PDB file of all heavy atoms in Angstrom:
ATOM      1  N   SER A   1     108.806  92.431  76.177  1.00  0.00           N
ATOM      2  CA  SER A   1     107.817  91.654  76.918  1.00  0.00           C
ATOM      3  C   SER A   1     108.140  91.624  78.408  1.00  0.00           C
ATOM      4  O   SER A   1     109.225  92.028  78.842  1.00  0.00           O
ATOM      5  CB  SER A   1     107.757  90.225  76.381  1.00  0.00           C
ATOM      6  OG  SER A   1     108.896  89.507  76.775  1.00  0.00           O
ATOM      7  N   LYS A   2     107.206  91.105  79.188  1.00  0.00           N
ATOM      8  CA  LYS A   2     107.384  91.014  80.637  1.00  0.00           C
ATOM      9  C   LYS A   2     108.483  90.040  81.024  1.00  0.00           C
ATOM     10  O   LYS A   2     108.971  90.078  82.149  1.00  0.00           O
ATOM     11  CB  LYS A   2     106.074  90.602  81.301  1.00  0.00           C
ATOM     12  CG  LYS A   2     105.049  91.702  81.303  1.00  0.00           C
ATOM     13  CD  LYS A   2     103.837  91.293  82.101  1.00  0.00           C
ATOM     14  CE  LYS A   2     102.856  92.450  82.171  1.00  0.00           C
ATOM     15  NZ  LYS A   2     101.689  92.097  82.994  1.00  0.00           N
ATOM     16  N   ARG A   3     108.888  89.165  80.103  1.00  0.00           N
ATOM     17  CA  ARG A   3     109.976  88.231  80.404  1.00  0.00           C
ATOM     18  C   ARG A   3     111.307  88.956  80.587  1.00  0.00           C
ATOM     19  O   ARG A   3     112.227  88.433  81.207  1.00  0.00           O
ATOM     20  CB  ARG A   3     110.118  87.195  79.292  1.00  0.00           C
ATOM     21  CG  ARG A   3     109.024  86.157  79.320  1.00  0.00           C
ATOM     22  CD  ARG A   3     109.327  85.078  78.338  1.00  0.00           C
ATOM     23  NE  ARG A   3     109.131  85.592  76.987  1.00  0.00           N
ATOM     24  CZ  ARG A   3     109.395  84.919  75.891  1.00  0.00           C
ATOM     25  NH1 ARG A   3     109.872  83.703  75.966  1.00  0.00           N
ATOM     26  NH2 ARG A   3     109.173  85.435  74.712  1.00  0.00           N
ATOM     27  N   VAL A   4     111.419  90.154  80.026  1.00  0.00           N
ATOM     28  CA  VAL A   4     112.664  90.921  80.135  1.00  0.00           C
ATOM     29  C   VAL A   4     112.870  91.418  81.562  1.00  0.00           C
ATOM     30  O   VAL A   4     113.995  91.474  82.045  1.00  0.00           O
ATOM     31  CB  VAL A   4     112.664  92.096  79.130  1.00  0.00           C
ATOM     32  CG1 VAL A   4     113.837  93.013  79.361  1.00  0.00           C
ATOM     33  CG2 VAL A   4     112.669  91.566  77.716  1.00  0.00           C
ATOM     34  N   GLY A   5     111.795  91.762  82.242  1.00  0.00           N
ATOM     35  CA  GLY A   5     111.923  92.234  83.619  1.00  0.00           C
ATOM     36  C   GLY A   5     110.697  93.009  84.053  1.00  0.00           C
ATOM     37  O   GLY A   5     109.676  93.027  83.358  1.00  0.00           O
ATOM     38  N   ASN A   6     110.814  93.673  85.199  1.00  0.00           N
ATOM     39  CA  ASN A   6     109.685  94.458  85.688  1.00  0.00           C
ATOM     40  C   ASN A   6     109.550  95.749  84.873  1.00  0.00           C
ATOM     41  O   ASN A   6     110.308  95.992  83.935  1.00  0.00           O
ATOM     42  CB  ASN A   6     109.827  94.731  87.188  1.00  0.00           C
ATOM     43  CG  ASN A   6     111.044  95.552  87.527  1.00  0.00           C
ATOM     44  OD1 ASN A   6     111.631  96.205  86.668  1.00  0.00           O
ATOM     45  ND2 ASN A   6     111.444  95.520  88.790  1.00  0.00           N
ATOM     46  N   ALA A   7     108.596  96.592  85.246  1.00  0.00           N
ATOM     47  CA  ALA A   7     108.300  97.791  84.458  1.00  0.00           C
ATOM     48  C   ALA A   7     109.485  98.737  84.353  1.00  0.00           C
ATOM     49  O   ALA A   7     109.721  99.335  83.299  1.00  0.00           O
ATOM     50  CB  ALA A   7     107.099  98.525  85.063  1.00  0.00           C
ATOM     51  N   VAL A   8     110.237  98.867  85.421  1.00  0.00           N
ATOM     52  CA  VAL A   8     111.398  99.757  85.411  1.00  0.00           C
ATOM     53  C   VAL A   8     112.425  99.275  84.392  1.00  0.00           C
ATOM     54  O   VAL A   8     112.953 100.057  83.589  1.00  0.00           O
ATOM     55  CB  VAL A   8     112.028  99.848  86.820  1.00  0.00           C
ATOM     56  CG1 VAL A   8     113.313 100.641  86.786  1.00  0.00           C
ATOM     57  CG2 VAL A   8     111.045 100.455  87.796  1.00  0.00           C
ATOM     58  N   VAL A   9     112.694  97.983  84.387  1.00  0.00           N
ATOM     59  CA  VAL A   9     113.673  97.404  83.466  1.00  0.00           C
ATOM     60  C   VAL A   9     113.175  97.500  82.028  1.00  0.00           C
ATOM     61  O   VAL A   9     113.937  97.861  81.123  1.00  0.00           O
ATOM     62  CB  VAL A   9     113.970  95.936  83.851  1.00  0.00           C
ATOM     63  CG1 VAL A   9     114.838  95.264  82.813  1.00  0.00           C
ATOM     64  CG2 VAL A   9     114.621  95.881  85.208  1.00  0.00           C
ATOM     65  N   ARG A  10     111.903  97.210  81.805  1.00  0.00           N
ATOM     66  CA  ARG A  10     111.345  97.279  80.441  1.00  0.00           C
ATOM     67  C   ARG A  10     111.415  98.699  79.895  1.00  0.00           C
ATOM     68  O   ARG A  10     111.797  98.914  78.735  1.00  0.00           O
ATOM     69  CB  ARG A  10     109.900  96.782  80.428  1.00  0.00           C
ATOM     70  CG  ARG A  10     109.765  95.296  80.646  1.00  0.00           C
ATOM     71  CD  ARG A  10     108.385  94.784  80.306  1.00  0.00           C
ATOM     72  NE  ARG A  10     107.294  95.501  80.924  1.00  0.00           N
ATOM     73  CZ  ARG A  10     106.739  95.204  82.095  1.00  0.00           C
ATOM     74  NH1 ARG A  10     107.208  94.181  82.802  1.00  0.00           N
ATOM     75  NH2 ARG A  10     105.727  95.897  82.570  1.00  0.00           N
ATOM     76  N   ASN A  11     111.075  99.683  80.719  1.00  0.00           N
ATOM     77  CA  ASN A  11     111.133 101.074  80.267  1.00  0.00           C
ATOM     78  C   ASN A  11     112.565 101.508  79.982  1.00  0.00           C
ATOM     79  O   ASN A  11     112.826 102.244  79.022  1.00  0.00           O
ATOM     80  CB  ASN A  11     110.484 102.000  81.288  1.00  0.00           C
ATOM     81  CG  ASN A  11     108.985 101.868  81.291  1.00  0.00           C
ATOM     82  OD1 ASN A  11     108.385 101.563  80.270  1.00  0.00           O
ATOM     83  ND2 ASN A  11     108.373 102.076  82.436  1.00  0.00           N
ATOM     84  N   LYS A  12     113.509 101.052  80.783  1.00  0.00           N
ATOM     85  CA  LYS A  12     114.913 101.367  80.537  1.00  0.00           C
ATOM     86  C   LYS A  12     115.376 100.765  79.218  1.00  0.00           C
ATOM     87  O   LYS A  12     116.082 101.410  78.431  1.00  0.00           O
ATOM     88  CB  LYS A  12     115.764 100.837  81.694  1.00  0.00           C
ATOM     89  CG  LYS A  12     117.165 101.337  81.717  1.00  0.00           C
ATOM     90  CD  LYS A  12     117.851 100.899  82.998  1.00  0.00           C
ATOM     91  CE  LYS A  12     119.197 101.530  83.153  1.00  0.00           C
ATOM     92  NZ  LYS A  12     119.855 101.118  84.396  1.00  0.00           N
ATOM     93  N   CYS A  13     114.955  99.531  78.940  1.00  0.00           N
ATOM     94  CA  CYS A  13     115.297  98.883  77.663  1.00  0.00           C
ATOM     95  C   CYS A  13     114.703  99.661  76.490  1.00  0.00           C
ATOM     96  O   CYS A  13     115.369  99.873  75.480  1.00  0.00           O
ATOM     97  CB  CYS A  13     114.782  97.445  77.643  1.00  0.00           C
ATOM     98  SG  CYS A  13     115.676  96.325  78.723  1.00  0.00           S
ATOM     99  N   LYS A  14     113.451 100.087  76.643  1.00  0.00           N
ATOM    100  CA  LYS A  14     112.809 100.849  75.560  1.00  0.00           C
ATOM    101  C   LYS A  14     113.507 102.185  75.319  1.00  0.00           C
ATOM    102  O   LYS A  14     113.688 102.594  74.175  1.00  0.00           O
ATOM    103  CB  LYS A  14     111.326 101.066  75.864  1.00  0.00           C
ATOM    104  CG  LYS A  14     110.495  99.829  75.629  1.00  0.00           C
ATOM    105  CD  LYS A  14     109.024 100.113  75.760  1.00  0.00           C
ATOM    106  CE  LYS A  14     108.617  99.968  77.198  1.00  0.00           C
ATOM    107  NZ  LYS A  14     107.160 100.073  77.411  1.00  0.00           N
ATOM    108  N   ARG A  15     113.925 102.849  76.387  1.00  0.00           N
ATOM    109  CA  ARG A  15     114.648 104.116  76.214  1.00  0.00           C
ATOM    110  C   ARG A  15     115.951 103.902  75.459  1.00  0.00           C
ATOM    111  O   ARG A  15     116.298 104.678  74.557  1.00  0.00           O
ATOM    112  CB  ARG A  15     114.935 104.754  77.579  1.00  0.00           C
ATOM    113  CG  ARG A  15     113.758 105.437  78.197  1.00  0.00           C
ATOM    114  CD  ARG A  15     114.174 106.336  79.343  1.00  0.00           C
ATOM    115  NE  ARG A  15     114.905 105.646  80.387  1.00  0.00           N
ATOM    116  CZ  ARG A  15     114.369 105.032  81.436  1.00  0.00           C
ATOM    117  NH1 ARG A  15     113.062 105.016  81.578  1.00  0.00           N
ATOM    118  NH2 ARG A  15     115.117 104.450  82.338  1.00  0.00           N
ATOM    119  N   ARG A  16     116.666 102.844  75.797  1.00  0.00           N
ATOM    120  CA  ARG A  16     117.924 102.552  75.105  1.00  0.00           C
ATOM    121  C   ARG A  16     117.674 102.172  73.647  1.00  0.00           C
ATOM    122  O   ARG A  16     118.429 102.570  72.758  1.00  0.00           O
ATOM    123  CB  ARG A  16     118.675 101.447  75.828  1.00  0.00           C
ATOM    124  CG  ARG A  16     119.245 101.924  77.124  1.00  0.00           C
ATOM    125  CD  ARG A  16     120.038 100.861  77.811  1.00  0.00           C
ATOM    126  NE  ARG A  16     120.666 101.406  79.001  1.00  0.00           N
ATOM    127  CZ  ARG A  16     121.446 100.712  79.783  1.00  0.00           C
ATOM    128  NH1 ARG A  16     121.708  99.456  79.529  1.00  0.00           N
ATOM    129  NH2 ARG A  16     121.980 101.273  80.842  1.00  0.00           N
ATOM    130  N   MET A  17     116.627 101.399  73.399  1.00  0.00           N
ATOM    131  CA  MET A  17     116.306 101.006  72.026  1.00  0.00           C
ATOM    132  C   MET A  17     115.891 102.231  71.198  1.00  0.00           C
ATOM    133  O   MET A  17     116.261 102.356  70.034  1.00  0.00           O
ATOM    134  CB  MET A  17     115.214  99.935  72.014  1.00  0.00           C
ATOM    135  CG  MET A  17     115.700  98.593  72.556  1.00  0.00           C
ATOM    136  SD  MET A  17     114.387  97.401  72.822  1.00  0.00           S
ATOM    137  CE  MET A  17     113.951  96.990  71.153  1.00  0.00           C
ATOM    138  N   ARG A  18     115.122 103.148  71.804  1.00  0.00           N
ATOM    139  CA  ARG A  18     114.728 104.374  71.096  1.00  0.00           C
ATOM    140  C   ARG A  18     115.942 105.202  70.710  1.00  0.00           C
ATOM    141  O   ARG A  18     116.002 105.774  69.620  1.00  0.00           O
ATOM    142  CB  ARG A  18     113.788 105.218  71.959  1.00  0.00           C
ATOM    143  CG  ARG A  18     112.359 104.855  71.776  1.00  0.00           C
ATOM    144  CD  ARG A  18     111.453 105.875  72.464  1.00  0.00           C
ATOM    145  NE  ARG A  18     110.582 105.122  73.338  1.00  0.00           N
ATOM    146  CZ  ARG A  18     110.567 105.158  74.659  1.00  0.00           C
ATOM    147  NH1 ARG A  18     111.362 105.993  75.300  1.00  0.00           N
ATOM    148  NH2 ARG A  18     109.766 104.413  75.358  1.00  0.00           N
ATOM    149  N   GLU A  19     116.912 105.275  71.587  1.00  0.00           N
ATOM    150  CA  GLU A  19     118.134 106.015  71.278  1.00  0.00           C
ATOM    151  C   GLU A  19     118.892 105.349  70.136  1.00  0.00           C
ATOM    152  O   GLU A  19     119.433 106.025  69.255  1.00  0.00           O
ATOM    153  CB  GLU A  19     119.013 106.125  72.525  1.00  0.00           C
ATOM    154  CG  GLU A  19     120.289 106.905  72.309  1.00  0.00           C
ATOM    155  CD  GLU A  19     120.063 108.344  71.902  1.00  0.00           C
ATOM    156  OE1 GLU A  19     118.988 108.909  72.184  1.00  0.00           O
ATOM    157  OE2 GLU A  19     120.989 108.929  71.295  1.00  0.00           O
ATOM    158  N   CYS A  20     118.933 104.035  70.111  1.00  0.00           N
ATOM    159  CA  CYS A  20     119.574 103.320  69.000  1.00  0.00           C
ATOM    160  C   CYS A  20     118.857 103.602  67.686  1.00  0.00           C
ATOM    161  O   CYS A  20     119.498 103.811  66.654  1.00  0.00           O
ATOM    162  CB  CYS A  20     119.601 101.823  69.271  1.00  0.00           C
ATOM    163  SG  CYS A  20     120.694 101.358  70.619  1.00  0.00           S
ATOM    164  N   VAL A  21     117.531 103.609  67.718  1.00  0.00           N
ATOM    165  CA  VAL A  21     116.750 103.906  66.510  1.00  0.00           C
ATOM    166  C   VAL A  21     117.031 105.326  66.042  1.00  0.00           C
ATOM    167  O   VAL A  21     117.163 105.592  64.844  1.00  0.00           O
ATOM    168  CB  VAL A  21     115.240 103.699  66.770  1.00  0.00           C
ATOM    169  CG1 VAL A  21     114.402 104.316  65.671  1.00  0.00           C
ATOM    170  CG2 VAL A  21     114.939 102.222  66.916  1.00  0.00           C
ATOM    171  N   ARG A  22     117.146 106.250  66.978  1.00  0.00           N
ATOM    172  CA  ARG A  22     117.405 107.645  66.623  1.00  0.00           C
ATOM    173  C   ARG A  22     118.734 107.780  65.886  1.00  0.00           C
ATOM    174  O   ARG A  22     118.876 108.594  64.978  1.00  0.00           O
ATOM    175  CB  ARG A  22     117.421 108.506  67.891  1.00  0.00           C
ATOM    176  CG  ARG A  22     117.426 109.988  67.622  1.00  0.00           C
ATOM    177  CD  ARG A  22     117.466 110.783  68.914  1.00  0.00           C
ATOM    178  NE  ARG A  22     118.748 110.683  69.590  1.00  0.00           N
ATOM    179  CZ  ARG A  22     119.846 111.378  69.251  1.00  0.00           C
ATOM    180  NH1 ARG A  22     119.808 112.201  68.233  1.00  0.00           N
ATOM    181  NH2 ARG A  22     120.962 111.239  69.929  1.00  0.00           N
ATOM    182  N   ARG A  23     119.711 106.953  66.242  1.00  0.00           N
ATOM    183  CA  ARG A  23     121.029 107.024  65.616  1.00  0.00           C
ATOM    184  C   ARG A  23     121.144 106.205  64.336  1.00  0.00           C
ATOM    185  O   ARG A  23     122.146 106.318  63.637  1.00  0.00           O
ATOM    186  CB  ARG A  23     122.083 106.551  66.607  1.00  0.00           C
ATOM    187  CG  ARG A  23     122.224 107.476  67.778  1.00  0.00           C
ATOM    188  CD  ARG A  23     123.226 106.963  68.741  1.00  0.00           C
ATOM    189  NE  ARG A  23     123.319 107.844  69.895  1.00  0.00           N
ATOM    190  CZ  ARG A  23     124.406 107.984  70.612  1.00  0.00           C
ATOM    191  NH1 ARG A  23     125.483 107.309  70.316  1.00  0.00           N
ATOM    192  NH2 ARG A  23     124.410 108.807  71.641  1.00  0.00           N
ATOM    193  N   LEU A  24     120.147 105.378  64.052  1.00  0.00           N
ATOM    194  CA  LEU A  24     120.190 104.543  62.850  1.00  0.00           C
ATOM    195  C   LEU A  24     120.015 105.376  61.585  1.00  0.00           C
ATOM    196  O   LEU A  24     119.302 106.378  61.583  1.00  0.00           O
ATOM    197  CB  LEU A  24     119.048 103.524  62.866  1.00  0.00           C
ATOM    198  CG  LEU A  24     119.287 102.202  63.531  1.00  0.00           C
ATOM    199  CD1 LEU A  24     118.003 101.383  63.471  1.00  0.00           C
ATOM    200  CD2 LEU A  24     120.410 101.434  62.914  1.00  0.00           C
ATOM    201  N   ILE A  25     120.626 104.917  60.518  1.00  0.00           N
ATOM    202  CA  ILE A  25     120.393 105.503  59.199  1.00  0.00           C
ATOM    203  C   ILE A  25     119.703 104.428  58.371  1.00  0.00           C
ATOM    204  O   ILE A  25     120.299 103.395  58.062  1.00  0.00           O
ATOM    205  CB  ILE A  25     121.713 105.930  58.544  1.00  0.00           C
ATOM    206  CG1 ILE A  25     122.384 106.995  59.387  1.00  0.00           C
ATOM    207  CG2 ILE A  25     121.452 106.424  57.121  1.00  0.00           C
ATOM    208  CD1 ILE A  25     123.789 107.334  58.946  1.00  0.00           C
ATOM    209  N   VAL A  26     118.441 104.656  58.065  1.00  0.00           N
ATOM    210  CA  VAL A  26     117.642 103.675  57.329  1.00  0.00           C
ATOM    211  C   VAL A  26     117.048 104.364  56.109  1.00  0.00           C
ATOM    212  O   VAL A  26     116.569 105.495  56.197  1.00  0.00           O
ATOM    213  CB  VAL A  26     116.506 103.117  58.223  1.00  0.00           C
ATOM    214  CG1 VAL A  26     115.643 102.148  57.459  1.00  0.00           C
ATOM    215  CG2 VAL A  26     117.097 102.449  59.452  1.00  0.00           C
ATOM    216  N   HIS A  27     117.077 103.672  54.977  1.00  0.00           N
ATOM    217  CA  HIS A  27     116.477 104.214  53.762  1.00  0.00           C
ATOM    218  C   HIS A  27     114.969 104.339  53.927  1.00  0.00           C
ATOM    219  O   HIS A  27     114.361 103.596  54.694  1.00  0.00           O
ATOM    220  CB  HIS A  27     116.792 103.319  52.564  1.00  0.00           C
ATOM    221  CG  HIS A  27     118.257 103.239  52.269  1.00  0.00           C
ATOM    222  ND1 HIS A  27     118.969 104.300  51.765  1.00  0.00           N
ATOM    223  CD2 HIS A  27     119.140 102.230  52.434  1.00  0.00           C
ATOM    224  CE1 HIS A  27     120.231 103.946  51.609  1.00  0.00           C
ATOM    225  NE2 HIS A  27     120.372 102.694  52.019  1.00  0.00           N
ATOM    226  N   HIS A  28     114.376 105.254  53.193  1.00  0.00           N
ATOM    227  CA  HIS A  28     112.931 105.450  53.247  1.00  0.00           C
ATOM    228  C   HIS A  28     112.203 104.206  52.757  1.00  0.00           C
ATOM    229  O   HIS A  28     112.730 103.427  51.967  1.00  0.00           O
ATOM    230  CB  HIS A  28     112.513 106.632  52.362  1.00  0.00           C
ATOM    231  CG  HIS A  28     112.880 107.950  52.953  1.00  0.00           C
ATOM    232  ND1 HIS A  28     112.274 108.457  54.072  1.00  0.00           N
ATOM    233  CD2 HIS A  28     113.809 108.858  52.578  1.00  0.00           C
ATOM    234  CE1 HIS A  28     112.798 109.628  54.356  1.00  0.00           C
ATOM    235  NE2 HIS A  28     113.733 109.903  53.471  1.00  0.00           N
ATOM    236  N   GLY A  29     110.979 104.028  53.248  1.00  0.00           N
ATOM    237  CA  GLY A  29     110.101 102.987  52.729  1.00  0.00           C
ATOM    238  C   GLY A  29     110.191 101.643  53.425  1.00  0.00           C
ATOM    239  O   GLY A  29     109.853 100.627  52.827  1.00  0.00           O
ATOM    240  N   HIS A  30     110.605 101.607  54.692  1.00  0.00           N
ATOM    241  CA  HIS A  30     110.678 100.347  55.411  1.00  0.00           C
ATOM    242  C   HIS A  30     109.948 100.460  56.753  1.00  0.00           C
ATOM    243  O   HIS A  30     109.879 101.525  57.351  1.00  0.00           O
ATOM    244  CB  HIS A  30     112.131  99.943  55.679  1.00  0.00           C
ATOM    245  CG  HIS A  30     112.875  99.585  54.454  1.00  0.00           C
ATOM    246  ND1 HIS A  30     113.558 100.522  53.708  1.00  0.00           N
ATOM    247  CD2 HIS A  30     113.028  98.407  53.819  1.00  0.00           C
ATOM    248  CE1 HIS A  30     114.116  99.922  52.668  1.00  0.00           C
ATOM    249  NE2 HIS A  30     113.813  98.640  52.712  1.00  0.00           N
ATOM    250  N   ASP A  31     109.411  99.331  57.206  1.00  0.00           N
ATOM    251  CA  ASP A  31     108.899  99.209  58.560  1.00  0.00           C
ATOM    252  C   ASP A  31     109.843  98.273  59.298  1.00  0.00           C
ATOM    253  O   ASP A  31     110.170  97.194  58.803  1.00  0.00           O
ATOM    254  CB  ASP A  31     107.487  98.620  58.568  1.00  0.00           C
ATOM    255  CG  ASP A  31     106.440  99.627  58.122  1.00  0.00           C
ATOM    256  OD1 ASP A  31     106.722 100.833  58.162  1.00  0.00           O
ATOM    257  OD2 ASP A  31     105.340  99.196  57.748  1.00  0.00           O
ATOM    258  N   VAL A  32     110.281  98.675  60.475  1.00  0.00           N
ATOM    259  CA  VAL A  32     111.258  97.903  61.251  1.00  0.00           C
ATOM    260  C   VAL A  32     110.701  97.682  62.656  1.00  0.00           C
ATOM    261  O   VAL A  32     110.223  98.620  63.295  1.00  0.00           O
ATOM    262  CB  VAL A  32     112.608  98.647  61.346  1.00  0.00           C
ATOM    263  CG1 VAL A  32     113.621  97.817  62.101  1.00  0.00           C
ATOM    264  CG2 VAL A  32     113.122  99.022  59.972  1.00  0.00           C
ATOM    265  N   VAL A  33     110.759  96.429  63.122  1.00  0.00           N
ATOM    266  CA  VAL A  33     110.329  96.092  64.478  1.00  0.00           C
ATOM    267  C   VAL A  33     111.509  95.471  65.206  1.00  0.00           C
ATOM    268  O   VAL A  33     112.149  94.551  64.694  1.00  0.00           O
ATOM    269  CB  VAL A  33     109.132  95.112  64.466  1.00  0.00           C
ATOM    270  CG1 VAL A  33     108.791  94.673  65.876  1.00  0.00           C
ATOM    271  CG2 VAL A  33     107.928  95.737  63.800  1.00  0.00           C
ATOM    272  N   PHE A  34     111.794  95.981  66.396  1.00  0.00           N
ATOM    273  CA  PHE A  34     112.828  95.423  67.259  1.00  0.00           C
ATOM    274  C   PHE A  34     112.140  94.728  68.424  1.00  0.00           C
ATOM    275  O   PHE A  34     111.302  95.317  69.093  1.00  0.00           O
ATOM    276  CB  PHE A  34     113.743  96.522  67.802  1.00  0.00           C
ATOM    277  CG  PHE A  34     114.582  97.167  66.746  1.00  0.00           C
ATOM    278  CD1 PHE A  34     114.210  98.380  66.202  1.00  0.00           C
ATOM    279  CD2 PHE A  34     115.742  96.567  66.299  1.00  0.00           C
ATOM    280  CE1 PHE A  34     114.986  98.992  65.230  1.00  0.00           C
ATOM    281  CE2 PHE A  34     116.528  97.171  65.330  1.00  0.00           C
ATOM    282  CZ  PHE A  34     116.139  98.376  64.790  1.00  0.00           C
ATOM    283  N   ILE A  35     112.524  93.472  68.677  1.00  0.00           N
ATOM    284  CA  ILE A  35     111.963  92.704  69.779  1.00  0.00           C
ATOM    285  C   ILE A  35     113.090  92.395  70.760  1.00  0.00           C
ATOM    286  O   ILE A  35     114.083  91.752  70.383  1.00  0.00           O
ATOM    287  CB  ILE A  35     111.319  91.405  69.286  1.00  0.00           C
ATOM    288  CG1 ILE A  35     110.235  91.709  68.240  1.00  0.00           C
ATOM    289  CG2 ILE A  35     110.750  90.605  70.459  1.00  0.00           C
ATOM    290  CD1 ILE A  35     109.694  90.478  67.546  1.00  0.00           C
ATOM    291  N   ALA A  36     112.942  92.857  71.990  1.00  0.00           N
ATOM    292  CA  ALA A  36     113.963  92.610  73.017  1.00  0.00           C
ATOM    293  C   ALA A  36     113.789  91.200  73.570  1.00  0.00           C
ATOM    294  O   ALA A  36     112.685  90.733  73.801  1.00  0.00           O
ATOM    295  CB  ALA A  36     113.824  93.632  74.137  1.00  0.00           C
ATOM    296  N   ARG A  37     114.911  90.545  73.781  1.00  0.00           N
ATOM    297  CA  ARG A  37     114.914  89.223  74.398  1.00  0.00           C
ATOM    298  C   ARG A  37     115.394  89.350  75.839  1.00  0.00           C
ATOM    299  O   ARG A  37     115.935  90.380  76.241  1.00  0.00           O
ATOM    300  CB  ARG A  37     115.855  88.290  73.643  1.00  0.00           C
ATOM    301  CG  ARG A  37     115.352  87.884  72.294  1.00  0.00           C
ATOM    302  CD  ARG A  37     116.307  86.893  71.693  1.00  0.00           C
ATOM    303  NE  ARG A  37     115.770  86.322  70.471  1.00  0.00           N
ATOM    304  CZ  ARG A  37     116.485  85.552  69.666  1.00  0.00           C
ATOM    305  NH1 ARG A  37     117.736  85.271  69.931  1.00  0.00           N
ATOM    306  NH2 ARG A  37     115.942  85.053  68.582  1.00  0.00           N
ATOM    307  N   GLU A  38     115.217  88.262  76.587  1.00  0.00           N
ATOM    308  CA  GLU A  38     115.708  88.245  77.956  1.00  0.00           C
ATOM    309  C   GLU A  38     117.214  88.465  77.966  1.00  0.00           C
ATOM    310  O   GLU A  38     117.921  87.991  77.085  1.00  0.00           O
ATOM    311  CB  GLU A  38     115.416  86.889  78.598  1.00  0.00           C
ATOM    312  CG  GLU A  38     113.959  86.648  78.872  1.00  0.00           C
ATOM    313  CD  GLU A  38     113.734  85.296  79.489  1.00  0.00           C
ATOM    314  OE1 GLU A  38     114.058  85.124  80.679  1.00  0.00           O
ATOM    315  OE2 GLU A  38     113.248  84.416  78.767  1.00  0.00           O
TER     316      GLU A  38
END
């Protein structure tokens, strides 16, 4: 959300979160939502 920071900061957070998701090992058949906090 915008509470995390400006657009540059939010995009940086999303890039880091995407990399974490890429490294995760999750069993098939789940939906997962990550919500960043301030």
